[in-house]
Amino acid sequence: MHYTTLIDVQALATARDRCCVVDCRHDLADPEAGRRAYAQGHIPGAFFADVETDLSGPKCGTHGRHPLPARDALLATMRRWGLHDDTQLVAYDAHGGSFAARLWWLARWLGHEKVAILDGGWQAWVAAGLPTEQDEPLPGAGTLTARAPLEWPVDVEAVLAAHASPDALLIDARAPDRYAGRQETLDPVAGHIPGAVNRFWQSNLAAGRFKDAASLRAEFDALLAGHDSAQAIHYCGSGVSACHNILAMRIAGLSPGRLYAGSWSQWVADPARPVAQRPTP
């Protein structure tokens, strides 16, 4: 097995015993919701990944709501899931892949290429009539090693430099109303980084699954408008759903650029950083 972007439910059902499956269900407004959903039922053998702890580092108030975990801490978590260098990792959620994409990106940041998202997520698995369980698997004893990153983050200084460069392109993955500054429910300041374009992560989906590669390529080519995709910098509210756009660009055959992990929640922590808004139409 060697899936690096998406895997469908039938392929996973056939090979589930040879995969490390991780449930990434979450709710930003109710951080315990994912754990409750997992306890009620999950894909057999799946581990649970807490977005707030397993997939994020400690918060300090100036690095965003979901800072990247330390690489050694992330490695220890994945070893606890029983992950080895040759193991196929599969992440899923119930939110179109918006949280599972964070684990996909993090695994690639550790240099693990064999990681994919379950296309259609939990809903597709249940709709296919496939088995679920409530038991939690015992911790594994994985031997995964950290290797050269396959995805890279950038810090706020790089974003400030990109903001002043005509060659770079900032891509904001949040909903259009949040990008425009017309609504903000999670962060203290509304708006976007000046010069950024908006690609709402849900635009990558059709009926709960990722659009085909050709459709994604056409849409991202139009968004890039001649910019080199490798120079793109992706952000969202806290560095989670922006990973969805990075994954979609990989599916489209594009080099997606890098993730601004601190994202909007870090950007607005310093009132000296510029903010743009768009008036209501």
Protein backbone atom coordinates (compact mmCIF):
# COMPACT_ATOMS: atom_id res chain seq x y z
CA MET A 1 0.00 0.00 0.00
CA HIS A 2 1.20 3.46 -0.82
CA TYR A 3 -1.47 6.15 -0.59
CA THR A 4 -0.21 9.72 -0.28
CA THR A 5 -3.30 11.92 -0.65
CA LEU A 6 -6.68 10.13 -0.55
CA ILE A 7 -7.99 6.62 0.04
CA ASP A 8 -11.60 5.54 -0.51
CA VAL A 9 -13.68 3.51 1.91
CA GLN A 10 -13.53 0.25 -0.04
CA ALA A 11 -9.76 0.36 -0.29
CA LEU A 12 -9.50 1.03 3.43
CA ALA A 13 -12.03 -1.67 4.29
CA THR A 14 -9.97 -4.19 2.35
CA ALA A 15 -6.66 -3.23 3.92
CA ARG A 16 -7.68 -1.85 7.33
CA ASP A 17 -5.65 -4.43 9.27
CA ARG A 18 -2.51 -3.27 7.48
CA CYS A 19 -3.06 0.43 8.22
CA CYS A 20 -2.79 2.73 11.17
CA VAL A 21 -6.15 4.50 11.24
CA VAL A 22 -6.61 7.70 13.25
CA ASP A 23 -9.89 9.44 14.09
CA CYS A 24 -9.48 13.25 14.00
CA ARG A 25 -13.06 14.34 14.68
CA HIS A 26 -13.22 17.71 16.41
CA ASP A 27 -15.30 20.82 16.97
CA LEU A 28 -13.53 24.15 17.48
CA ALA A 29 -16.45 25.42 19.56
CA ASP A 30 -16.60 22.25 21.68
CA PRO A 31 -13.16 20.65 22.02
CA GLU A 32 -14.53 17.53 23.74
CA ALA A 33 -17.01 16.74 20.96
CA GLY A 34 -14.55 14.67 18.97
CA ARG A 35 -13.67 12.46 21.92
CA ARG A 36 -17.37 11.91 22.67
CA ALA A 37 -18.10 10.99 19.05
CA TYR A 38 -15.16 8.58 19.04
CA ALA A 39 -16.43 6.90 22.22
CA GLN A 40 -19.85 6.41 20.64
CA GLY A 41 -18.37 4.63 17.64
CA HIS A 42 -15.36 4.67 15.32
CA ILE A 43 -13.66 2.67 12.60
CA PRO A 44 -12.41 -0.59 14.15
CA GLY A 45 -8.86 -0.30 15.39
CA ALA A 46 -8.75 3.48 15.01
CA PHE A 47 -6.84 5.59 17.50
CA PHE A 48 -8.13 9.02 18.52
CA ALA A 49 -6.11 12.17 17.85
CA ASP A 50 -6.99 15.22 19.92
CA VAL A 51 -6.51 18.30 17.74
CA GLU A 52 -5.89 20.43 20.85
CA THR A 53 -3.15 18.25 22.33
CA ASP A 54 -1.92 15.48 20.01
CA LEU A 55 -1.93 17.64 16.88
CA SER A 56 -0.94 20.94 18.52
CA GLY A 57 1.73 22.21 20.86
CA PRO A 58 1.34 24.22 24.07
CA LYS A 59 -0.28 27.63 23.64
CA CYS A 60 1.54 30.74 24.81
CA GLY A 61 -0.77 33.49 23.54
CA THR A 62 1.45 34.76 20.73
CA HIS A 63 1.85 31.72 18.45
CA GLY A 64 -1.77 31.11 17.51
CA ARG A 65 -4.54 28.91 18.78
CA HIS A 66 -3.00 25.66 17.47
CA PRO A 67 0.81 25.94 17.43
CA LEU A 68 2.70 23.08 15.82
CA PRO A 69 3.70 20.34 18.26
CA ALA A 70 7.40 19.73 18.78
CA ARG A 71 8.64 17.16 16.28
CA ASP A 72 9.83 14.80 19.04
CA ALA A 73 6.45 15.00 20.79
CA LEU A 74 4.65 14.30 17.52
CA LEU A 75 6.97 11.37 16.83
CA ALA A 76 6.19 9.91 20.27
CA THR A 77 2.45 10.24 19.61
CA MET A 78 2.69 8.45 16.28
CA ARG A 79 4.82 5.69 17.76
CA ARG A 80 2.11 5.25 20.42
CA TRP A 81 -0.28 4.60 17.54
CA GLY A 82 2.05 1.79 16.42
CA LEU A 83 3.35 3.59 13.37
CA HIS A 84 6.45 2.23 11.62
CA ASP A 85 8.32 3.68 8.65
CA ASP A 86 6.50 1.39 6.22
CA THR A 87 3.02 1.75 7.77
CA GLN A 88 0.17 3.27 5.79
CA LEU A 89 -1.37 6.02 7.94
CA VAL A 90 -5.01 6.94 7.29
CA ALA A 91 -6.71 9.93 8.93
CA TYR A 92 -10.43 10.67 8.93
CA ASP A 93 -12.95 13.04 10.46
CA ALA A 94 -16.60 13.98 9.99
CA HIS A 95 -15.91 17.47 8.64
CA GLY A 96 -14.86 17.05 5.02
CA GLY A 97 -11.25 16.37 5.99
CA SER A 98 -10.64 19.77 7.56
CA PHE A 99 -9.13 18.25 10.74
CA ALA A 100 -7.76 15.06 9.21
CA ALA A 101 -5.74 17.24 6.83
CA ARG A 102 -3.84 18.60 9.84
CA LEU A 103 -2.60 15.09 10.66
CA TRP A 104 -1.82 14.47 6.97
CA TRP A 105 0.34 17.61 6.92
CA LEU A 106 2.01 16.85 10.26
CA ALA A 107 2.94 13.32 9.19
CA ARG A 108 4.50 14.67 6.01
CA TRP A 109 6.30 17.32 8.07
CA LEU A 110 7.89 14.38 9.92
CA GLY A 111 8.90 12.93 6.56
CA HIS A 112 6.29 10.13 6.48
CA GLU A 113 5.01 9.87 2.90
CA LYS A 114 2.51 7.01 3.32
CA VAL A 115 -0.32 9.08 4.76
CA ALA A 116 -3.76 9.66 3.25
CA ILE A 117 -7.17 11.01 4.18
CA LEU A 118 -10.27 8.85 4.00
CA ASP A 119 -12.25 10.52 1.24
CA GLY A 120 -15.76 11.20 2.51
CA GLY A 121 -14.64 10.53 6.07
CA TRP A 122 -16.77 8.99 8.79
CA GLN A 123 -19.99 9.61 6.87
CA ALA A 124 -18.76 7.62 3.86
CA TRP A 125 -17.69 4.73 6.07
CA VAL A 126 -21.07 4.54 7.81
CA ALA A 127 -23.00 5.01 4.55
CA ALA A 128 -21.14 2.02 3.09
CA GLY A 129 -22.47 -0.15 5.92
CA LEU A 130 -18.98 -0.94 7.18
CA PRO A 131 -18.39 -2.04 10.79
CA THR A 132 -17.77 0.30 13.71
CA GLU A 133 -16.75 -0.31 17.30
CA GLN A 134 -16.50 1.46 20.65
CA ASP A 135 -13.41 -0.27 22.06
CA GLU A 136 -10.14 1.66 22.10
CA PRO A 137 -7.02 -0.08 20.77
CA LEU A 138 -4.12 -0.68 23.12
CA PRO A 139 -1.14 1.66 22.68
CA GLY A 140 1.28 0.46 20.05
CA ALA A 141 5.05 0.26 20.02
CA GLY A 142 5.90 1.94 16.76
CA THR A 143 9.42 2.52 15.51
CA LEU A 144 8.71 5.44 13.17
CA THR A 145 11.77 7.60 12.48
CA ALA A 146 11.71 11.30 11.70
CA ARG A 147 13.10 12.11 8.27
CA ALA A 148 13.50 15.14 6.05
CA PRO A 149 10.21 17.08 5.90
CA LEU A 150 7.94 16.69 2.89
CA GLU A 151 5.97 19.79 3.91
CA TRP A 152 7.36 22.94 5.47
CA PRO A 153 6.00 25.66 7.76
CA VAL A 154 6.88 29.33 7.67
CA ASP A 155 6.99 31.78 10.56
CA VAL A 156 5.47 35.22 10.87
CA GLU A 157 8.65 36.91 9.64
CA ALA A 158 8.41 35.00 6.36
CA VAL A 159 4.78 36.07 6.03
CA LEU A 160 5.72 39.70 6.60
CA ALA A 161 8.32 39.38 3.85
CA ALA A 162 5.81 37.69 1.53
CA HIS A 163 3.28 40.42 2.24
CA ALA A 164 5.75 42.91 0.75
CA SER A 165 6.77 40.72 -2.21
CA PRO A 166 4.92 40.67 -5.56
CA ASP A 167 6.12 37.10 -6.19
CA ALA A 168 4.52 35.46 -3.17
CA LEU A 169 0.82 34.69 -2.79
CA LEU A 170 -1.00 34.36 0.52
CA ILE A 171 -4.02 32.02 0.42
CA ASP A 172 -6.62 32.31 3.19
CA ALA A 173 -8.65 29.12 3.75
CA ARG A 174 -11.36 30.61 5.98
CA ALA A 175 -14.99 31.18 5.08
CA PRO A 176 -15.58 34.27 2.89
CA ASP A 177 -17.30 36.26 5.67
CA ARG A 178 -14.36 35.74 8.02
CA TYR A 179 -11.86 36.58 5.29
CA ALA A 180 -13.76 39.77 4.48
CA GLY A 181 -14.00 40.76 8.13
CA ARG A 182 -17.80 40.70 8.16
CA GLN A 183 -17.93 37.98 10.80
CA GLU A 184 -15.42 36.67 13.34
CA THR A 185 -16.37 34.19 16.05
CA LEU A 186 -12.99 32.74 17.05
CA ASP A 187 -10.39 35.51 17.01
CA PRO A 188 -10.43 39.03 18.52
CA VAL A 189 -9.83 40.89 15.23
CA ALA A 190 -11.73 40.46 11.96
CA GLY A 191 -10.27 40.66 8.47
CA HIS A 192 -7.36 39.15 6.56
CA ILE A 193 -3.69 39.66 5.86
CA PRO A 194 -3.42 42.43 3.23
CA GLY A 195 -2.91 41.04 -0.25
CA ALA A 196 -4.20 37.55 0.57
CA VAL A 197 -6.70 35.82 -1.70
CA ASN A 198 -9.51 33.65 -0.40
CA ARG A 199 -9.91 29.93 -1.11
CA PHE A 200 -12.45 28.58 1.38
CA TRP A 201 -11.36 25.03 2.13
CA GLN A 202 -14.87 23.70 1.52
CA SER A 203 -14.46 24.76 -2.12
CA ASN A 204 -12.27 21.67 -2.54
CA LEU A 205 -15.27 19.39 -1.96
CA ALA A 206 -18.31 18.21 -3.87
CA ALA A 207 -20.93 16.18 -2.01
CA GLY A 208 -18.53 15.66 0.90
CA ARG A 209 -15.66 14.28 -1.16
CA PHE A 210 -12.69 15.94 -2.83
CA LYS A 211 -13.23 17.15 -6.36
CA ASP A 212 -11.31 15.36 -9.09
CA ALA A 213 -7.74 16.41 -9.83
CA ALA A 214 -8.58 18.18 -13.09
CA SER A 215 -11.26 20.35 -11.48
CA LEU A 216 -9.00 21.26 -8.58
CA ARG A 217 -6.16 22.08 -10.97
CA ALA A 218 -8.33 24.44 -13.01
CA GLU A 219 -9.62 26.22 -9.92
CA PHE A 220 -6.19 26.64 -8.33
CA ASP A 221 -4.65 27.78 -11.62
CA ALA A 222 -7.27 30.53 -11.75
CA LEU A 223 -6.59 31.46 -8.12
CA LEU A 224 -2.84 31.55 -8.63
CA ALA A 225 -3.24 33.85 -11.63
CA GLY A 226 0.26 33.20 -12.89
CA HIS A 227 1.98 32.97 -9.49
CA ASP A 228 4.33 30.06 -8.86
CA SER A 229 2.38 27.63 -6.69
CA ALA A 230 5.59 26.72 -4.84
CA GLN A 231 5.73 30.31 -3.54
CA ALA A 232 2.25 30.17 -2.02
CA ILE A 233 1.79 30.57 1.73
CA HIS A 234 -1.37 29.07 3.21
CA TYR A 235 -3.11 30.21 6.36
CA CYS A 236 -6.49 30.04 8.10
CA GLY A 237 -7.56 30.83 11.63
CA SER A 238 -5.02 28.65 13.41
CA GLY A 239 -3.17 26.51 10.86
CA VAL A 240 -5.64 23.62 10.70
CA SER A 241 -8.02 24.00 7.74
CA ALA A 242 -5.27 25.63 5.65
CA CYS A 243 -3.79 22.12 5.39
CA HIS A 244 -6.90 21.18 3.38
CA ASN A 245 -5.86 23.56 0.61
CA ILE A 246 -2.32 22.18 0.66
CA LEU A 247 -3.69 18.66 0.27
CA ALA A 248 -6.02 19.77 -2.54
CA MET A 249 -3.11 21.33 -4.41
CA ARG A 250 -1.16 18.08 -4.04
CA ILE A 251 -4.13 16.19 -5.49
CA ALA A 252 -4.16 18.70 -8.36
CA GLY A 253 -0.52 17.95 -9.11
CA LEU A 254 0.76 21.31 -7.89
CA SER A 255 3.59 22.11 -5.52
CA PRO A 256 1.52 23.80 -2.81
CA GLY A 257 4.02 26.05 -1.08
CA ARG A 258 4.12 26.26 2.70
CA LEU A 259 1.91 26.54 5.78
CA TYR A 260 1.84 29.60 7.99
CA ALA A 261 1.12 27.57 11.10
CA GLY A 262 0.41 30.52 13.40
CA SER A 263 -2.12 31.82 10.90
CA TRP A 264 -4.62 34.60 11.60
CA SER A 265 -4.73 33.96 15.36
CA GLN A 266 -1.01 34.66 15.59
CA TRP A 267 -1.07 37.51 13.09
CA VAL A 268 -3.58 39.55 15.09
CA ALA A 269 -1.81 38.90 18.41
CA ASP A 270 0.40 41.87 17.51
CA PRO A 271 -1.70 45.00 16.85
CA ALA A 272 1.15 46.47 14.79
CA ARG A 273 0.57 43.97 11.99
CA PRO A 274 -1.66 45.27 9.20
CA VAL A 275 -5.22 44.07 8.72
CA ALA A 276 -7.43 44.35 5.64
CA GLN A 277 -11.20 44.15 5.44
CA ARG A 278 -13.76 44.21 2.65
CA PRO A 279 -16.99 46.17 2.96
CA THR A 280 -20.32 44.40 2.84
CA PRO A 281 -21.50 44.25 -0.83
